[in-house]
Amino acid sequence: MKLLAVARRMLRMCPEAWYIQIRSIQLCCALLLGAVFFLIAWSGDRVHSYRCFQTALTLNECAQTSLLFGVIVPPIVEEWRMRGK
């Protein structure tokens, strides 16, 4: 029952909250794709291309941050909008 209430609330989000959530998911996917490309370029060589590995790790962490931002901010925007009405 609780999950159904959460789903109903999500479907009634304002357009700004949806925009933030969708764009954060898109940004997360793009960052993870870039991380995969850097891991492929790294090819396991520790001596010569360690920067590719570090860049891939950084992109992975940025993707997680973006996703966290996309989960936390839309409910805040929704609450502010509900209080403003």
Protein backbone atom coordinates (compact mmCIF):
# COMPACT_ATOMS: atom_id res chain seq x y z
CA MET A 1 0.00 0.00 0.00
CA LYS A 2 2.82 2.39 0.83
CA LEU A 3 4.48 1.80 -2.54
CA LEU A 4 1.23 2.55 -4.35
CA ALA A 5 0.93 5.87 -2.51
CA VAL A 6 4.50 6.76 -3.46
CA ALA A 7 3.84 5.91 -7.12
CA ARG A 8 0.68 8.05 -7.17
CA ARG A 9 2.54 10.98 -5.65
CA MET A 10 5.35 10.63 -8.20
CA LEU A 11 2.90 10.65 -11.10
CA ARG A 12 1.39 13.92 -9.86
CA MET A 13 4.71 15.79 -9.70
CA CYS A 14 4.93 19.24 -11.19
CA PRO A 15 6.72 19.71 -14.55
CA GLU A 16 9.79 21.29 -12.93
CA ALA A 17 10.29 18.28 -10.66
CA TRP A 18 9.90 15.89 -13.60
CA TYR A 19 12.40 17.94 -15.59
CA ILE A 20 15.01 17.72 -12.83
CA GLN A 21 14.47 14.01 -12.37
CA ILE A 22 14.60 13.10 -16.06
CA ARG A 23 17.62 15.30 -16.79
CA SER A 24 19.54 13.88 -13.84
CA ILE A 25 18.92 10.35 -15.11
CA GLN A 26 20.07 11.38 -18.59
CA LEU A 27 23.19 13.02 -17.17
CA CYS A 28 23.92 9.93 -15.09
CA CYS A 29 23.68 7.71 -18.18
CA ALA A 30 25.97 9.99 -20.19
CA LEU A 31 28.56 10.08 -17.40
CA LEU A 32 28.49 6.31 -17.02
CA LEU A 33 28.88 5.89 -20.77
CA GLY A 34 31.92 8.17 -20.65
CA ALA A 35 33.31 6.13 -17.76
CA VAL A 36 32.93 2.94 -19.81
CA PHE A 37 34.78 4.54 -22.71
CA PHE A 38 37.63 5.58 -20.43
CA LEU A 39 37.81 2.09 -18.94
CA ILE A 40 38.04 0.64 -22.44
CA ALA A 41 40.82 3.14 -23.26
CA TRP A 42 42.57 2.24 -20.01
CA SER A 43 42.86 -1.46 -21.03
CA GLY A 44 44.32 -2.43 -17.66
CA ASP A 45 47.74 -0.80 -18.14
CA ARG A 46 48.69 0.67 -14.78
CA VAL A 47 51.86 2.42 -15.80
CA HIS A 48 51.01 4.41 -18.92
CA SER A 49 47.31 5.19 -18.77
CA TYR A 50 46.48 5.46 -15.09
CA ARG A 51 44.84 8.83 -15.75
CA CYS A 52 42.16 7.12 -17.87
CA PHE A 53 41.35 4.89 -14.91
CA GLN A 54 41.17 7.83 -12.51
CA THR A 55 38.96 9.76 -14.94
CA ALA A 56 36.61 6.78 -15.20
CA LEU A 57 36.37 6.57 -11.41
CA THR A 58 35.65 10.29 -11.19
CA LEU A 59 32.93 10.06 -13.84
CA ASN A 60 31.39 7.17 -11.93
CA GLU A 61 31.31 9.21 -8.73
CA CYS A 62 29.84 12.20 -10.56
CA ALA A 63 27.12 9.97 -12.00
CA GLN A 64 26.18 8.81 -8.52
CA THR A 65 26.09 12.40 -7.30
CA SER A 66 23.89 13.40 -10.22
CA LEU A 67 21.48 10.58 -9.50
CA LEU A 68 21.37 11.47 -5.81
CA PHE A 69 20.64 15.07 -6.76
CA GLY A 70 17.83 13.87 -9.04
CA VAL A 71 16.26 11.86 -6.24
CA ILE A 72 16.48 14.46 -3.47
CA VAL A 73 15.66 17.75 -5.23
CA PRO A 74 12.33 16.97 -7.03
CA PRO A 75 10.39 16.30 -3.80
CA ILE A 76 11.77 19.55 -2.38
CA VAL A 77 10.64 21.45 -5.48
CA GLU A 78 7.26 19.74 -5.26
CA GLU A 79 6.83 20.72 -1.60
CA TRP A 80 7.76 24.35 -2.33
CA ARG A 81 5.26 24.44 -5.15
CA MET A 82 2.50 22.94 -2.99
CA ARG A 83 3.13 25.52 -0.25
CA GLY A 84 3.00 28.35 -2.77
CA LYS A 85 -0.56 27.50 -3.92
